[in-house]
Amino acid sequence: MRDNLAERLLAKVMGWTPEDVTRERPILQAMAAYKYDEYHQFSPGMRFVESLALWLDQFKVAAQKRVAYDFVKTRLVFISAAELGHLVSMAYPDFVRPHLLRQLAREKGICAWHVGKVAGSTAFKIRQRQCLFLGLSDGARTDIFRRYNNDAVTHEQVLLSHEISPGRVPKLIDELNKDLVPLFGGTVPPEECRFRTIVLLDDFSASGISYLRREEDGNYKGKIWAFHAEITDPTKPASQLVDLSRTQILVILYVGTDQARRHLEKQLEELWKPLRIDYRVILVHTLDSGICLAPGCQDSMEPLLEGYYDREIEDEHTRKGGKDLKFGFAGCGLPVVLSHNTPNNSIYLLWAEKNALRALFPRVQRHRKQA
C-alpha cells in the first residue's frame, strides 16, 4: 500500500499520464528493489520512490523535474553493500598478494612469471606475515577483509584503526615473532621481527584531501599524516613496528577517482620520498572521470545546481576543499551514492539538507556546525 501511494505521489509530482506510469513503474521498482531501498540513511519507514517524489517536488518547473529524474534514472552511480563487499574481497588476492610476489621475485632474482615458485617459498610466507593492515576509517570493512583472507592473513595482522595504542605495539611484535619462529626454523633475527609492508585500507575517496593535505601554514594534516608522525618518531611506540629503511606503505582504496590518486601520490611523494620509503596508491575500482560534472560543462544539471544552491550548507570543514559545494567537496562533481552514506564529493542536490533544500539520499555529516 505504501509503495502504491509513493508511486501515485511521484506520478502527480511529475505530471505523468497512465501511459507514463506504465512505462516508468518497472524501471523504478527494479532500481528500488535491486539497490536503492537499501540506503542506510533513509529515515524510518522511508523508501526510495517516496524520497524521489519528495525530492523532485522541490524543483519549481516541470522541465527541471524531468532533468533531475532523468539524471537519477540514467546517471546515478549507487554502490551497494554487496558490490563494496566484492571489492573488499578482491583487495588482497588481486592487488596486495601479486604486489608482494613481484617485489620478492625482484629481490631474489626470480622471474616474476614463476608465480608458483615464489608463492610456495618460505620467503614469501615470511613476507606475507610481515604485512600489517590498518583501517583508515570504519569504512575500511576490516572485519570483511579479515574473513575473506583468513587463509593468508592472521587475525593479529588486521587492525580496525591506524591509531595504534602504545599497549598494542609489543603484542603485535610478540605475535609476529611467534609466527615467524617456525618459518625461520628457530630464533628470528631482530631486523626481521618488524613489519615490512603497511597497508592502509579505506572504502572511498574522491579528492584524497581528508587523508593527507598541506595547509597554508606549511603543516600537514590528515589521517595518513597522523600515522606518518607516529611511525617516524622514534620516541613513539608505533615506530618500533617498522624498520623504515625496509618498509613499504600501500594505500588501498576500494573505490576512488583519478583525482584522489593524483593528489595522494603527489602528497605521499613529499612525505615519504625524503625518508626513502617506497609507497603505492592502489584503487581496487577506479571511477571513470567521464561520469563527473564540472562548471561550464554544458550539463543539463548545471542550471539546477546553480539555481537551488544554499551557501548555508558550507562550513569551515567543507571550505578545505577550496571551492563551494555546488559540485561537491573539492569540486569533484560525482553522481555517486554509497549504500551506507553519500559522499560530500557528490553534487550537493543528492545529499544536502538545509532550509528549503531536500536531499534524495540524506547524508550523515562527519562534522557538524556548532549551534
Protein backbone atom coordinates (compact mmCIF):
# COMPACT_ATOMS: atom_id res chain seq x y z
CA MET A 1 0.00 0.00 0.00
CA ARG A 2 2.79 2.44 0.93
CA ASP A 3 4.61 1.69 -2.34
CA ASN A 4 1.44 2.36 -4.32
CA LEU A 5 0.94 5.68 -2.55
CA ALA A 6 4.56 6.64 -3.25
CA GLU A 7 4.13 5.83 -6.92
CA ARG A 8 0.92 7.87 -7.09
CA LEU A 9 2.69 10.78 -5.40
CA LEU A 10 5.57 10.56 -7.88
CA ALA A 11 3.15 10.46 -10.84
CA LYS A 12 1.40 13.57 -9.51
CA VAL A 13 4.68 15.42 -8.98
CA MET A 14 5.90 14.55 -12.49
CA GLY A 15 2.52 15.10 -14.17
CA TRP A 16 2.62 11.62 -15.70
CA THR A 17 -0.16 10.12 -17.79
CA PRO A 18 -1.24 6.49 -17.19
CA GLU A 19 0.99 5.53 -20.14
CA ASP A 20 3.97 7.25 -18.49
CA VAL A 21 3.31 5.37 -15.25
CA THR A 22 3.12 2.06 -17.12
CA ARG A 23 6.45 2.77 -18.78
CA GLU A 24 8.34 4.05 -15.71
CA ARG A 25 6.97 1.77 -12.97
CA PRO A 26 9.07 -1.35 -13.85
CA ILE A 27 12.23 0.76 -14.02
CA LEU A 28 11.59 2.39 -10.65
CA GLN A 29 10.65 -0.87 -8.99
CA ALA A 30 13.81 -2.54 -10.27
CA MET A 31 16.02 0.35 -9.11
CA ALA A 32 14.42 0.35 -5.67
CA ALA A 33 14.44 -3.41 -5.14
CA TYR A 34 17.88 -4.08 -6.57
CA LYS A 35 19.72 -1.28 -4.78
CA TYR A 36 18.23 2.00 -3.67
CA ASP A 37 15.87 0.83 -0.93
CA GLU A 38 18.91 -0.45 0.98
CA TYR A 39 20.26 3.06 1.57
CA HIS A 40 21.06 3.19 5.29
CA GLN A 41 20.36 6.85 5.98
CA PHE A 42 16.73 6.99 4.94
CA SER A 43 14.53 7.93 7.89
CA PRO A 44 12.49 5.08 9.43
CA GLY A 45 9.80 3.96 7.00
CA MET A 46 11.19 5.97 4.09
CA ARG A 47 11.96 4.17 0.85
CA PHE A 48 13.48 5.24 -2.44
CA VAL A 49 10.38 6.02 -4.53
CA GLU A 50 8.86 8.17 -1.79
CA SER A 51 12.16 10.01 -1.26
CA LEU A 52 12.44 10.53 -5.02
CA ALA A 53 8.93 12.01 -5.23
CA LEU A 54 9.55 14.43 -2.36
CA TRP A 55 12.96 15.37 -3.77
CA LEU A 56 11.59 16.10 -7.25
CA ASP A 57 8.75 18.15 -5.79
CA GLN A 58 11.21 20.85 -4.64
CA PHE A 59 12.02 21.78 -8.24
CA LYS A 60 9.80 24.59 -9.39
CA VAL A 61 9.04 23.79 -13.03
CA ALA A 62 8.24 20.59 -14.90
CA ALA A 63 11.33 20.81 -17.14
CA GLN A 64 13.62 20.87 -14.11
CA LYS A 65 11.85 17.86 -12.63
CA ARG A 66 12.34 15.93 -15.86
CA VAL A 67 16.06 16.78 -15.94
CA ALA A 68 16.50 15.68 -12.33
CA TYR A 69 14.51 12.48 -12.85
CA ASP A 70 16.48 11.54 -15.99
CA PHE A 71 19.71 12.20 -14.10
CA VAL A 72 18.74 9.74 -11.36
CA LYS A 73 17.45 7.16 -13.82
CA THR A 74 20.40 7.18 -16.21
CA ARG A 75 23.47 8.63 -14.49
CA LEU A 76 23.35 7.94 -10.77
CA VAL A 77 26.04 5.52 -9.56
CA PHE A 78 24.85 3.62 -6.49
CA ILE A 79 27.44 1.29 -4.94
CA SER A 80 25.61 -1.37 -2.96
CA ALA A 81 26.88 -3.18 0.12
CA ALA A 82 27.27 -6.36 -1.93
CA GLU A 83 29.34 -4.57 -4.56
CA LEU A 84 31.56 -2.95 -1.96
CA GLY A 85 31.97 -6.31 -0.23
CA HIS A 86 33.14 -7.79 -3.52
CA LEU A 87 35.76 -5.06 -3.87
CA VAL A 88 36.93 -5.71 -0.31
CA SER A 89 37.30 -9.41 -1.16
CA MET A 90 39.49 -8.51 -4.17
CA ALA A 91 41.89 -6.19 -2.34
CA TYR A 92 44.32 -8.78 -1.01
CA PRO A 93 44.31 -11.62 -3.57
CA ASP A 94 44.13 -9.37 -6.65
CA PHE A 95 46.29 -6.44 -5.55
CA VAL A 96 48.36 -6.90 -2.38
CA ARG A 97 49.43 -10.53 -2.94
CA PRO A 98 50.56 -10.01 -6.59
CA HIS A 99 52.46 -6.93 -5.46
CA LEU A 100 54.27 -8.91 -2.76
CA LEU A 101 55.06 -11.70 -5.23
CA ARG A 102 56.57 -9.27 -7.75
CA GLN A 103 58.53 -7.49 -5.07
CA LEU A 104 60.00 -10.69 -3.66
CA ALA A 105 60.78 -12.04 -7.13
CA ARG A 106 62.84 -8.92 -7.87
CA GLU A 107 64.72 -9.21 -4.60
CA LYS A 108 65.51 -12.91 -5.14
CA GLY A 109 66.32 -12.53 -8.83
CA ILE A 110 63.48 -14.87 -9.83
CA CYS A 111 61.44 -14.38 -12.99
CA ALA A 112 58.19 -12.70 -11.96
CA TRP A 113 56.28 -15.13 -14.17
CA HIS A 114 57.31 -18.05 -11.96
CA VAL A 115 54.48 -17.28 -9.57
CA GLY A 116 54.24 -20.80 -8.14
CA LYS A 117 57.94 -20.86 -7.34
CA VAL A 118 57.75 -17.56 -5.46
CA ALA A 119 54.40 -18.19 -3.75
CA GLY A 120 55.46 -21.61 -2.47
CA SER A 121 58.66 -20.34 -0.92
CA THR A 122 59.28 -19.82 2.77
CA ALA A 123 60.50 -16.32 1.94
CA PHE A 124 57.05 -15.41 0.63
CA LYS A 125 55.32 -16.81 3.71
CA ILE A 126 57.60 -14.67 5.83
CA ARG A 127 56.92 -11.57 3.72
CA GLN A 128 53.17 -12.23 3.84
CA ARG A 129 53.25 -12.43 7.63
CA GLN A 130 55.24 -9.20 7.79
CA CYS A 131 52.24 -7.27 6.44
CA LEU A 132 50.13 -5.14 8.76
CA PHE A 133 46.68 -4.00 7.62
CA LEU A 134 45.19 -0.88 9.20
CA GLY A 135 41.80 0.75 8.66
CA LEU A 136 41.71 4.47 7.94
CA SER A 137 38.02 4.62 8.94
CA ASP A 138 35.14 2.28 9.78
CA GLY A 139 34.52 2.17 6.02
CA ALA A 140 37.65 0.03 5.66
CA ARG A 141 35.49 -3.04 6.40
CA THR A 142 38.39 -4.73 8.18
CA ASP A 143 36.04 -7.41 9.52
CA ILE A 144 35.06 -8.42 5.98
CA PHE A 145 38.67 -8.12 4.81
CA ARG A 146 39.81 -10.47 7.57
CA ARG A 147 37.13 -13.08 6.88
CA TYR A 148 37.80 -13.19 3.15
CA ASN A 149 41.53 -13.65 3.68
CA ASN A 150 41.76 -15.83 6.80
CA ASP A 151 43.78 -18.44 4.90
CA ALA A 152 46.53 -15.92 4.13
CA VAL A 153 46.27 -13.26 6.84
CA THR A 154 46.11 -13.84 10.58
CA HIS A 155 43.71 -12.12 12.95
CA GLU A 156 46.61 -10.20 14.53
CA GLN A 157 47.61 -8.63 11.22
CA VAL A 158 44.38 -6.68 10.71
CA LEU A 159 43.53 -3.73 12.97
CA LEU A 160 40.42 -1.58 12.94
CA SER A 161 42.35 1.67 13.07
CA HIS A 162 45.62 3.28 12.01
CA GLU A 163 45.77 4.78 15.51
CA ILE A 164 47.64 2.04 17.36
CA SER A 165 47.61 2.21 21.14
CA PRO A 166 51.02 2.02 22.87
CA GLY A 167 49.98 -1.17 24.69
CA ARG A 168 49.16 -2.91 21.43
CA VAL A 169 52.63 -2.46 19.91
CA PRO A 170 54.55 -5.07 21.97
CA LYS A 171 51.70 -7.55 21.49
CA LEU A 172 51.86 -7.14 17.71
CA ILE A 173 55.61 -7.68 17.70
CA ASP A 174 55.32 -10.69 20.03
CA GLU A 175 52.68 -12.34 17.83
CA LEU A 176 54.76 -11.64 14.74
CA ASN A 177 57.78 -13.25 16.35
CA LYS A 178 55.79 -16.35 17.37
CA ASP A 179 54.54 -16.90 13.81
CA LEU A 180 57.97 -16.34 12.27
CA VAL A 181 59.88 -18.77 14.53
CA PRO A 182 58.75 -21.93 12.66
CA LEU A 183 59.35 -20.24 9.30
CA PHE A 184 62.92 -19.33 10.27
CA GLY A 185 63.42 -22.69 11.95
CA GLY A 186 64.45 -21.08 15.19
CA THR A 187 65.34 -17.65 16.54
CA VAL A 188 64.12 -14.80 14.38
CA PRO A 189 66.75 -12.16 13.52
CA PRO A 190 65.74 -8.88 15.25
CA GLU A 191 65.63 -6.98 11.95
CA GLU A 192 63.10 -9.49 10.59
CA CYS A 193 60.72 -9.11 13.52
CA ARG A 194 59.32 -5.92 12.03
CA PHE A 195 56.52 -5.24 9.58
CA ARG A 196 57.85 -4.78 6.05
CA THR A 197 54.57 -3.73 4.43
CA ILE A 198 51.97 -1.43 6.00
CA VAL A 199 48.64 -1.46 4.17
CA LEU A 200 46.26 1.43 4.89
CA LEU A 201 42.71 0.48 3.89
CA ASP A 202 39.59 2.51 3.24
CA ASP A 203 36.41 2.32 1.22
CA PHE A 204 36.21 5.51 -0.82
CA SER A 205 37.93 8.73 -1.76
CA ALA A 206 37.20 11.31 -4.43
CA SER A 207 39.70 14.03 -3.53
CA GLY A 208 42.16 12.42 -1.09
CA ILE A 209 42.24 15.64 0.94
CA SER A 210 40.95 14.16 4.20
CA TYR A 211 43.78 11.63 4.17
CA LEU A 212 46.65 14.00 3.51
CA ARG A 213 46.95 17.68 2.71
CA ARG A 214 49.31 20.56 3.29
CA GLU A 215 47.78 23.59 4.98
CA GLU A 216 48.58 27.21 4.14
CA ASP A 217 50.96 27.36 7.11
CA GLY A 218 53.00 24.53 5.56
CA ASN A 219 51.93 21.91 8.08
CA TYR A 220 50.44 18.60 7.04
CA LYS A 221 47.04 17.39 8.18
CA GLY A 222 45.01 14.22 7.68
CA LYS A 223 44.87 10.60 8.74
CA ILE A 224 47.93 9.48 6.81
CA TRP A 225 49.93 12.35 8.25
CA ALA A 226 48.91 11.30 11.76
CA PHE A 227 50.08 7.76 11.02
CA HIS A 228 53.32 9.06 9.48
CA ALA A 229 54.02 11.12 12.60
CA GLU A 230 53.60 8.05 14.81
CA ILE A 231 55.87 5.64 12.95
CA THR A 232 58.64 8.11 12.07
CA ASP A 233 59.10 9.48 15.59
CA PRO A 234 61.47 7.15 17.47
CA THR A 235 60.00 8.32 20.78
CA LYS A 236 56.60 6.90 19.79
CA PRO A 237 55.83 3.21 20.50
CA ALA A 238 54.41 2.68 16.98
CA SER A 239 57.84 3.37 15.48
CA GLN A 240 59.00 0.04 16.91
CA LEU A 241 56.74 -1.80 14.50
CA VAL A 242 58.85 -0.96 11.46
CA ASP A 243 62.38 -0.56 10.19
CA LEU A 244 61.90 2.50 7.99
CA SER A 245 64.81 1.54 5.75
CA ARG A 246 62.96 -1.64 4.73
CA THR A 247 59.30 -0.60 4.98
CA GLN A 248 56.78 -0.03 2.22
CA ILE A 249 53.46 1.82 2.56
CA LEU A 250 50.44 0.79 0.47
CA VAL A 251 47.32 2.96 0.47
CA ILE A 252 44.44 0.86 -0.84
CA LEU A 253 41.03 2.34 -1.60
CA TYR A 254 38.23 0.02 -2.64
CA VAL A 255 36.69 2.81 -4.76
CA GLY A 256 38.36 6.03 -5.82
CA THR A 257 38.90 8.61 -8.53
CA ASP A 258 41.96 9.54 -10.53
CA GLN A 259 41.75 12.91 -8.82
CA ALA A 260 42.23 11.23 -5.44
CA ARG A 261 45.05 9.05 -6.76
CA ARG A 262 46.94 12.02 -8.23
CA HIS A 263 46.53 14.06 -5.06
CA LEU A 264 47.72 11.26 -2.79
CA GLU A 265 50.65 10.30 -4.98
CA LYS A 266 51.86 13.90 -5.03
CA GLN A 267 51.43 14.36 -1.28
CA LEU A 268 52.93 10.97 -0.43
CA GLU A 269 55.98 11.74 -2.54
CA GLU A 270 56.58 14.87 -0.46
CA LEU A 271 56.02 12.93 2.74
CA TRP A 272 57.80 9.60 2.20
CA LYS A 273 60.41 10.21 -0.51
CA PRO A 274 62.77 12.22 1.73
CA LEU A 275 62.85 9.16 4.01
CA ARG A 276 63.42 6.86 1.00
CA ILE A 277 60.31 4.90 1.89
CA ASP A 278 58.57 3.18 -1.01
CA TYR A 279 54.84 3.84 -1.35
CA ARG A 280 51.96 2.95 -3.65
CA VAL A 281 48.38 4.17 -4.07
CA ILE A 282 46.13 1.37 -5.30
CA LEU A 283 42.48 1.72 -6.30
CA VAL A 284 40.59 -1.56 -6.48
CA HIS A 285 37.96 0.15 -8.63
CA THR A 286 38.57 3.49 -10.34
CA LEU A 287 35.58 5.69 -11.10
CA ASP A 288 35.68 6.92 -14.67
CA SER A 289 36.20 10.69 -14.80
CA GLY A 290 33.60 10.81 -17.58
CA ILE A 291 30.80 10.45 -15.03
CA CYS A 292 31.73 13.69 -13.27
CA LEU A 293 30.03 17.06 -13.68
CA ALA A 294 32.05 20.26 -13.84
CA PRO A 295 31.30 24.01 -14.06
CA GLY A 296 30.78 25.17 -17.62
CA CYS A 297 30.37 21.63 -18.93
CA GLN A 298 27.01 22.49 -20.50
CA ASP A 299 25.41 19.72 -18.49
CA SER A 300 21.62 19.82 -18.15
CA MET A 301 22.01 19.57 -14.36
CA GLU A 302 24.16 22.69 -14.07
CA PRO A 303 21.27 25.21 -14.01
CA LEU A 304 19.70 23.24 -11.14
CA LEU A 305 22.97 23.17 -9.22
CA GLU A 306 23.30 26.92 -9.65
CA GLY A 307 19.67 27.83 -9.07
CA TYR A 308 18.99 25.91 -5.86
CA TYR A 309 22.33 26.39 -4.10
CA ASP A 310 22.27 27.48 -0.46
CA ARG A 311 25.59 28.64 0.99
CA GLU A 312 24.35 27.64 4.42
CA ILE A 313 25.47 24.08 3.66
CA GLU A 314 29.10 25.25 3.71
CA ASP A 315 31.25 25.32 6.85
CA GLU A 316 34.90 25.55 7.88
CA HIS A 317 35.44 21.88 7.06
CA THR A 318 33.95 21.94 3.56
CA ARG A 319 35.98 25.06 2.70
CA LYS A 320 39.14 22.99 2.97
CA GLY A 321 38.21 21.69 -0.47
CA GLY A 322 38.96 25.16 -1.87
CA LYS A 323 35.60 25.54 -3.62
CA ASP A 324 31.90 25.89 -2.87
CA LEU A 325 29.77 22.74 -2.75
CA LYS A 326 27.75 23.14 -5.95
CA PHE A 327 29.72 20.30 -7.48
CA GLY A 328 30.52 18.68 -4.16
CA PHE A 329 33.56 18.90 -1.91
CA ALA A 330 36.71 19.93 -3.84
CA GLY A 331 34.55 20.28 -6.97
CA CYS A 332 34.62 16.53 -7.64
CA GLY A 333 31.18 16.59 -9.30
CA LEU A 334 30.35 12.97 -8.61
CA PRO A 335 26.93 11.36 -9.11
CA VAL A 336 27.86 8.69 -6.54
CA VAL A 337 25.96 7.25 -3.59
CA LEU A 338 27.32 4.54 -1.28
CA SER A 339 24.82 2.26 0.41
CA HIS A 340 25.84 3.43 3.89
CA ASN A 341 26.18 7.17 3.14
CA THR A 342 26.52 9.70 0.34
CA PRO A 343 29.98 11.28 -0.14
CA ASN A 344 30.01 15.05 0.10
CA ASN A 345 32.14 14.94 -3.07
CA SER A 346 28.91 14.18 -4.93
CA ILE A 347 26.78 17.03 -6.26
CA TYR A 348 25.06 18.69 -3.34
CA LEU A 349 21.50 18.13 -4.61
CA LEU A 350 21.86 14.43 -3.84
CA TRP A 351 22.77 14.79 -0.15
CA ALA A 352 22.40 18.33 1.23
CA GLU A 353 19.52 19.30 3.53
CA LYS A 354 19.28 22.90 4.65
CA ASN A 355 16.42 25.38 4.79
CA ALA A 356 14.38 24.67 1.60
CA LEU A 357 16.79 22.02 0.32
CA ARG A 358 15.68 18.40 0.46
CA ALA A 359 18.11 15.52 -0.13
CA LEU A 360 17.39 12.46 -2.24
CA PHE A 361 19.88 10.44 -0.19
CA PRO A 362 20.36 12.28 3.13
CA ARG A 363 23.96 12.30 4.32
CA VAL A 364 25.28 11.78 7.83
CA GLN A 365 27.87 14.52 8.25
CA ARG A 366 31.17 13.73 9.93
CA HIS A 367 31.47 17.35 11.12
CA ARG A 368 28.51 19.42 12.22
CA LYS A 369 28.22 23.16 12.74
CA GLN A 370 28.03 24.29 16.32
CA ALA A 371 24.65 25.75 17.15
